[in-house]
Amino acid sequence: NMKGTDIVKKLRAQLDKNGYKDVEMKLIGDV
């Protein structure tokens, strides 16, 4: 029961935690 939008949020949080707040993320689509 995973959700794509939830995964994207967790990816953003992990990038920030790992010291990569400057990395830009763009959502292309979710199925």
All heavy atoms as atom14 arrays in JSON, in Angstrom:
{
  "sequence": "NMKGTDIVKKLRAQLDKNGYKDVEMKLIGDV",
  "atom14_mask": [
    [1, 1, 1, 1, 1, 1, 1, 1, 0, 0, 0, 0, 0, 0],
    [1, 1, 1, 1, 1, 1, 1, 1, 0, 0, 0, 0, 0, 0],
    [1, 1, 1, 1, 1, 1, 1, 1, 1, 0, 0, 0, 0, 0],
    [1, 1, 1, 1, 0, 0, 0, 0, 0, 0, 0, 0, 0, 0],
    [1, 1, 1, 1, 1, 1, 1, 0, 0, 0, 0, 0, 0, 0],
    [1, 1, 1, 1, 1, 1, 1, 1, 0, 0, 0, 0, 0, 0],
    [1, 1, 1, 1, 1, 1, 1, 1, 0, 0, 0, 0, 0, 0],
    [1, 1, 1, 1, 1, 1, 1, 0, 0, 0, 0, 0, 0, 0],
    [1, 1, 1, 1, 1, 1, 1, 1, 1, 0, 0, 0, 0, 0],
    [1, 1, 1, 1, 1, 1, 1, 1, 1, 0, 0, 0, 0, 0],
    [1, 1, 1, 1, 1, 1, 1, 1, 0, 0, 0, 0, 0, 0],
    [1, 1, 1, 1, 1, 1, 1, 1, 1, 1, 1, 0, 0, 0],
    [1, 1, 1, 1, 1, 0, 0, 0, 0, 0, 0, 0, 0, 0],
    [1, 1, 1, 1, 1, 1, 1, 1, 1, 0, 0, 0, 0, 0],
    [1, 1, 1, 1, 1, 1, 1, 1, 0, 0, 0, 0, 0, 0],
    [1, 1, 1, 1, 1, 1, 1, 1, 0, 0, 0, 0, 0, 0],
    [1, 1, 1, 1, 1, 1, 1, 1, 1, 0, 0, 0, 0, 0],
    [1, 1, 1, 1, 1, 1, 1, 1, 0, 0, 0, 0, 0, 0],
    [1, 1, 1, 1, 0, 0, 0, 0, 0, 0, 0, 0, 0, 0],
    [1, 1, 1, 1, 1, 1, 1, 1, 1, 1, 1, 1, 0, 0],
    [1, 1, 1, 1, 1, 1, 1, 1, 1, 0, 0, 0, 0, 0],
    [1, 1, 1, 1, 1, 1, 1, 1, 0, 0, 0, 0, 0, 0],
    [1, 1, 1, 1, 1, 1, 1, 0, 0, 0, 0, 0, 0, 0],
    [1, 1, 1, 1, 1, 1, 1, 1, 1, 0, 0, 0, 0, 0],
    [1, 1, 1, 1, 1, 1, 1, 1, 0, 0, 0, 0, 0, 0],
    [1, 1, 1, 1, 1, 1, 1, 1, 1, 0, 0, 0, 0, 0],
    [1, 1, 1, 1, 1, 1, 1, 1, 0, 0, 0, 0, 0, 0],
    [1, 1, 1, 1, 1, 1, 1, 1, 0, 0, 0, 0, 0, 0],
    [1, 1, 1, 1, 0, 0, 0, 0, 0, 0, 0, 0, 0, 0],
    [1, 1, 1, 1, 1, 1, 1, 1, 0, 0, 0, 0, 0, 0],
    [1, 1, 1, 1, 1, 1, 1, 0, 0, 0, 0, 0, 0, 0]
  ],
  "atom14_positions": [
    [[0.82, -1.18, 0.0], [0.0, 0.0, 0.0], [0.87, 1.26, 0.0], [0.57, 2.24, 0.67], [-0.9, 0.0, 1.23], [-2.1, -0.91, 1.08], [-2.69, -0.97, 0.01], [-2.46, -1.62, 2.14], [0.0, 0.0, 0.0], [0.0, 0.0, 0.0], [0.0, 0.0, 0.0], [0.0, 0.0, 0.0], [0.0, 0.0, 0.0], [0.0, 0.0, 0.0]],
    [[1.94, 1.21, -0.76], [2.85, 2.34, -0.88], [2.23, 3.39, -1.8], [1.32, 3.1, -2.58], [4.2, 1.87, -1.44], [4.86, 0.78, -0.6], [6.25, -0.02, -1.46], [7.51, 1.24, -1.29], [0.0, 0.0, 0.0], [0.0, 0.0, 0.0], [0.0, 0.0, 0.0], [0.0, 0.0, 0.0], [0.0, 0.0, 0.0], [0.0, 0.0, 0.0]],
    [[2.73, 4.63, -1.7], [2.25, 5.72, -2.55], [3.42, 6.44, -3.19], [4.43, 6.72, -2.53], [1.4, 6.71, -1.75], [0.05, 6.17, -1.33], [-0.81, 7.27, -0.72], [-2.21, 6.75, -0.4], [-3.09, 7.8, 0.16], [0.0, 0.0, 0.0], [0.0, 0.0, 0.0], [0.0, 0.0, 0.0], [0.0, 0.0, 0.0], [0.0, 0.0, 0.0]],
    [[3.29, 6.76, -4.47], [4.36, 7.44, -5.18], [4.67, 8.81, -4.61], [5.85, 9.19, -4.47], [0.0, 0.0, 0.0], [0.0, 0.0, 0.0], [0.0, 0.0, 0.0], [0.0, 0.0, 0.0], [0.0, 0.0, 0.0], [0.0, 0.0, 0.0], [0.0, 0.0, 0.0], [0.0, 0.0, 0.0], [0.0, 0.0, 0.0], [0.0, 0.0, 0.0]],
    [[3.64, 9.57, -4.26], [3.87, 10.91, -3.72], [4.58, 10.84, -2.38], [5.4, 11.71, -2.05], [2.53, 11.65, -3.57], [1.6, 10.8, -2.84], [1.94, 11.98, -4.93], [0.0, 0.0, 0.0], [0.0, 0.0, 0.0], [0.0, 0.0, 0.0], [0.0, 0.0, 0.0], [0.0, 0.0, 0.0], [0.0, 0.0, 0.0], [0.0, 0.0, 0.0]],
    [[4.3, 9.79, -1.61], [4.97, 9.6, -0.32], [6.44, 9.27, -0.53], [7.32, 9.76, 0.2], [4.27, 8.47, 0.44], [4.82, 8.29, 1.85], [4.98, 9.3, 2.56], [5.12, 7.14, 2.22], [0.0, 0.0, 0.0], [0.0, 0.0, 0.0], [0.0, 0.0, 0.0], [0.0, 0.0, 0.0], [0.0, 0.0, 0.0], [0.0, 0.0, 0.0]],
    [[6.75, 8.45, -1.54], [8.14, 8.11, -1.85], [8.91, 9.36, -2.24], [10.07, 9.55, -1.83], [8.19, 7.06, -2.98], [7.67, 5.72, -2.46], [9.61, 6.91, -3.52], [7.51, 4.67, -3.54], [0.0, 0.0, 0.0], [0.0, 0.0, 0.0], [0.0, 0.0, 0.0], [0.0, 0.0, 0.0], [0.0, 0.0, 0.0], [0.0, 0.0, 0.0]],
    [[8.29, 10.23, -3.02], [8.96, 11.47, -3.44], [9.28, 12.34, -2.23], [10.37, 12.93, -2.13], [8.07, 12.23, -4.45], [8.64, 13.62, -4.74], [7.96, 11.43, -5.75], [0.0, 0.0, 0.0], [0.0, 0.0, 0.0], [0.0, 0.0, 0.0], [0.0, 0.0, 0.0], [0.0, 0.0, 0.0], [0.0, 0.0, 0.0], [0.0, 0.0, 0.0]],
    [[8.36, 12.42, -1.28], [8.6, 13.21, -0.07], [9.76, 12.62, 0.74], [10.6, 13.35, 1.27], [7.34, 13.26, 0.79], [6.21, 14.09, 0.2], [4.97, 14.03, 1.09], [3.82, 14.82, 0.47], [2.58, 14.71, 1.3], [0.0, 0.0, 0.0], [0.0, 0.0, 0.0], [0.0, 0.0, 0.0], [0.0, 0.0, 0.0], [0.0, 0.0, 0.0]],
    [[9.81, 11.3, 0.82], [10.87, 10.64, 1.57], [12.23, 10.81, 0.87], [13.27, 10.94, 1.53], [10.55, 9.16, 1.74], [9.39, 8.92, 2.7], [8.96, 7.47, 2.73], [7.81, 7.26, 3.74], [7.29, 5.89, 3.73], [0.0, 0.0, 0.0], [0.0, 0.0, 0.0], [0.0, 0.0, 0.0], [0.0, 0.0, 0.0], [0.0, 0.0, 0.0]],
    [[12.21, 10.82, -0.45], [13.45, 11.07, -1.2], [13.96, 12.47, -0.9], [15.17, 12.66, -0.66], [13.2, 10.9, -2.7], [14.34, 11.32, -3.63], [15.59, 10.49, -3.36], [13.91, 11.19, -5.09], [0.0, 0.0, 0.0], [0.0, 0.0, 0.0], [0.0, 0.0, 0.0], [0.0, 0.0, 0.0], [0.0, 0.0, 0.0], [0.0, 0.0, 0.0]],
    [[13.06, 13.46, -0.91], [13.47, 14.84, -0.62], [14.06, 14.94, 0.78], [15.1, 15.59, 1.0], [12.26, 15.75, -0.75], [12.49, 17.23, -0.45], [13.3, 17.93, -1.53], [14.73, 17.91, -1.28], [15.64, 18.29, -2.17], [15.25, 18.7, -3.37], [16.91, 18.25, -1.88], [0.0, 0.0, 0.0], [0.0, 0.0, 0.0], [0.0, 0.0, 0.0]],
    [[13.42, 14.28, 1.73], [13.91, 14.32, 3.11], [15.27, 13.66, 3.24], [16.15, 14.14, 3.98], [12.9, 13.63, 4.04], [0.0, 0.0, 0.0], [0.0, 0.0, 0.0], [0.0, 0.0, 0.0], [0.0, 0.0, 0.0], [0.0, 0.0, 0.0], [0.0, 0.0, 0.0], [0.0, 0.0, 0.0], [0.0, 0.0, 0.0], [0.0, 0.0, 0.0]],
    [[15.49, 12.57, 2.5], [16.79, 11.88, 2.56], [17.89, 12.71, 1.93], [19.02, 12.76, 2.44], [16.69, 10.52, 1.86], [17.88, 9.62, 2.11], [17.94, 9.16, 3.56], [16.94, 8.69, 4.11], [19.1, 9.32, 4.2], [0.0, 0.0, 0.0], [0.0, 0.0, 0.0], [0.0, 0.0, 0.0], [0.0, 0.0, 0.0], [0.0, 0.0, 0.0]],
    [[17.59, 13.36, 0.83], [18.57, 14.26, 0.21], [18.99, 15.35, 1.19], [20.18, 15.65, 1.34], [17.98, 14.87, -1.07], [17.84, 13.95, -2.27], [17.0, 14.63, -3.36], [19.21, 13.58, -2.83], [0.0, 0.0, 0.0], [0.0, 0.0, 0.0], [0.0, 0.0, 0.0], [0.0, 0.0, 0.0], [0.0, 0.0, 0.0], [0.0, 0.0, 0.0]],
    [[18.0, 15.94, 1.86], [18.3, 17.01, 2.81], [19.13, 16.46, 3.97], [20.11, 17.08, 4.41], [17.0, 17.62, 3.35], [16.2, 18.34, 2.27], [16.75, 18.54, 1.16], [15.04, 18.69, 2.53], [0.0, 0.0, 0.0], [0.0, 0.0, 0.0], [0.0, 0.0, 0.0], [0.0, 0.0, 0.0], [0.0, 0.0, 0.0], [0.0, 0.0, 0.0]],
    [[18.76, 15.28, 4.46], [19.48, 14.67, 5.59], [20.92, 14.35, 5.21], [21.84, 14.5, 6.05], [18.76, 13.4, 6.02], [19.43, 12.64, 7.15], [18.66, 11.37, 7.5], [19.38, 10.57, 8.58], [18.63, 9.32, 8.92], [0.0, 0.0, 0.0], [0.0, 0.0, 0.0], [0.0, 0.0, 0.0], [0.0, 0.0, 0.0], [0.0, 0.0, 0.0]],
    [[21.13, 13.93, 3.96], [22.49, 13.56, 3.52], [23.34, 14.76, 3.15], [24.49, 14.6, 2.74], [22.41, 12.62, 2.32], [21.82, 11.26, 2.68], [21.55, 10.97, 3.84], [21.63, 10.41, 1.68], [0.0, 0.0, 0.0], [0.0, 0.0, 0.0], [0.0, 0.0, 0.0], [0.0, 0.0, 0.0], [0.0, 0.0, 0.0], [0.0, 0.0, 0.0]],
    [[22.79, 15.96, 3.27], [23.56, 17.17, 2.99], [23.43, 17.68, 1.57], [24.3, 18.43, 1.1], [0.0, 0.0, 0.0], [0.0, 0.0, 0.0], [0.0, 0.0, 0.0], [0.0, 0.0, 0.0], [0.0, 0.0, 0.0], [0.0, 0.0, 0.0], [0.0, 0.0, 0.0], [0.0, 0.0, 0.0], [0.0, 0.0, 0.0], [0.0, 0.0, 0.0]],
    [[22.35, 17.31, 0.9], [22.17, 17.71, -0.51], [20.89, 18.51, -0.69], [20.09, 18.25, -1.59], [22.16, 16.47, -1.41], [23.45, 15.69, -1.37], [23.54, 14.51, -0.64], [24.58, 16.16, -2.03], [24.72, 13.79, -0.59], [25.77, 15.45, -1.99], [25.84, 14.27, -1.26], [27.01, 13.57, -1.21], [0.0, 0.0, 0.0], [0.0, 0.0, 0.0]],
    [[20.7, 19.51, 0.16], [19.51, 20.35, 0.05], [19.48, 21.13, -1.26], [18.4, 21.54, -1.72], [19.45, 21.33, 1.23], [19.18, 20.67, 2.57], [19.04, 21.71, 3.69], [18.72, 21.03, 5.02], [18.55, 22.03, 6.11], [0.0, 0.0, 0.0], [0.0, 0.0, 0.0], [0.0, 0.0, 0.0], [0.0, 0.0, 0.0], [0.0, 0.0, 0.0]],
    [[20.65, 21.34, -1.85], [20.72, 22.11, -3.1], [20.28, 21.3, -4.32], [20.0, 21.87, -5.38], [22.15, 22.6, -3.32], [23.14, 21.45, -3.37], [23.48, 20.92, -2.3], [23.55, 21.04, -4.48], [0.0, 0.0, 0.0], [0.0, 0.0, 0.0], [0.0, 0.0, 0.0], [0.0, 0.0, 0.0], [0.0, 0.0, 0.0], [0.0, 0.0, 0.0]],
    [[20.24, 19.98, -4.23], [19.87, 19.14, -5.37], [18.4, 19.39, -5.71], [17.53, 19.29, -4.84], [20.13, 17.66, -5.07], [19.56, 16.78, -6.18], [21.63, 17.41, -4.94], [0.0, 0.0, 0.0], [0.0, 0.0, 0.0], [0.0, 0.0, 0.0], [0.0, 0.0, 0.0], [0.0, 0.0, 0.0], [0.0, 0.0, 0.0], [0.0, 0.0, 0.0]],
    [[18.16, 19.7, -6.95], [16.8, 20.02, -7.38], [16.09, 18.73, -7.82], [16.68, 17.87, -8.47], [16.84, 21.01, -8.55], [17.49, 22.33, -8.17], [17.88, 23.17, -9.38], [17.48, 22.8, -10.49], [18.58, 24.18, -9.2], [0.0, 0.0, 0.0], [0.0, 0.0, 0.0], [0.0, 0.0, 0.0], [0.0, 0.0, 0.0], [0.0, 0.0, 0.0]],
    [[14.81, 18.64, -7.47], [14.03, 17.45, -7.8], [12.77, 17.88, -8.58], [12.08, 18.81, -8.19], [13.63, 16.7, -6.54], [12.83, 15.43, -6.79], [12.6, 14.46, -5.27], [11.62, 15.61, -4.29], [0.0, 0.0, 0.0], [0.0, 0.0, 0.0], [0.0, 0.0, 0.0], [0.0, 0.0, 0.0], [0.0, 0.0, 0.0], [0.0, 0.0, 0.0]],
    [[12.5, 17.16, -9.68], [11.32, 17.43, -10.49], [10.5, 16.15, -10.63], [11.02, 15.11, -11.04], [11.73, 17.94, -11.88], [10.54, 18.23, -12.8], [11.01, 18.7, -14.17], [9.82, 18.96, -15.09], [10.27, 19.4, -16.45], [0.0, 0.0, 0.0], [0.0, 0.0, 0.0], [0.0, 0.0, 0.0], [0.0, 0.0, 0.0], [0.0, 0.0, 0.0]],
    [[9.22, 16.22, -10.31], [8.33, 15.08, -10.47], [7.85, 15.04, -11.92], [7.23, 15.99, -12.41], [7.13, 15.21, -9.53], [6.02, 14.16, -9.67], [6.55, 12.76, -9.38], [4.84, 14.49, -8.74], [0.0, 0.0, 0.0], [0.0, 0.0, 0.0], [0.0, 0.0, 0.0], [0.0, 0.0, 0.0], [0.0, 0.0, 0.0], [0.0, 0.0, 0.0]],
    [[8.14, 13.94, -12.61], [7.75, 13.78, -14.02], [6.36, 13.17, -14.14], [5.57, 13.53, -15.02], [8.77, 12.89, -14.77], [10.17, 13.48, -14.64], [8.38, 12.72, -16.23], [10.31, 14.87, -15.22], [0.0, 0.0, 0.0], [0.0, 0.0, 0.0], [0.0, 0.0, 0.0], [0.0, 0.0, 0.0], [0.0, 0.0, 0.0], [0.0, 0.0, 0.0]],
    [[6.04, 12.24, -13.26], [4.73, 11.61, -13.3], [4.65, 10.46, -12.32], [5.66, 9.97, -11.82], [0.0, 0.0, 0.0], [0.0, 0.0, 0.0], [0.0, 0.0, 0.0], [0.0, 0.0, 0.0], [0.0, 0.0, 0.0], [0.0, 0.0, 0.0], [0.0, 0.0, 0.0], [0.0, 0.0, 0.0], [0.0, 0.0, 0.0], [0.0, 0.0, 0.0]],
    [[3.41, 10.04, -12.04], [3.18, 8.95, -11.09], [2.05, 8.07, -11.62], [0.98, 8.58, -11.99], [2.81, 9.52, -9.72], [2.57, 8.44, -8.67], [3.2, 7.38, -8.77], [1.74, 8.68, -7.76], [0.0, 0.0, 0.0], [0.0, 0.0, 0.0], [0.0, 0.0, 0.0], [0.0, 0.0, 0.0], [0.0, 0.0, 0.0], [0.0, 0.0, 0.0]],
    [[2.29, 6.77, -11.68], [1.26, 5.79, -12.06], [1.05, 4.88, -10.86], [1.87, 4.01, -10.58], [1.69, 4.97, -13.29], [0.65, 3.9, -13.62], [1.91, 5.88, -14.49], [0.0, 0.0, 0.0], [0.0, 0.0, 0.0], [0.0, 0.0, 0.0], [0.0, 0.0, 0.0], [0.0, 0.0, 0.0], [0.0, 0.0, 0.0], [0.0, 0.0, 0.0]]
  ]
}
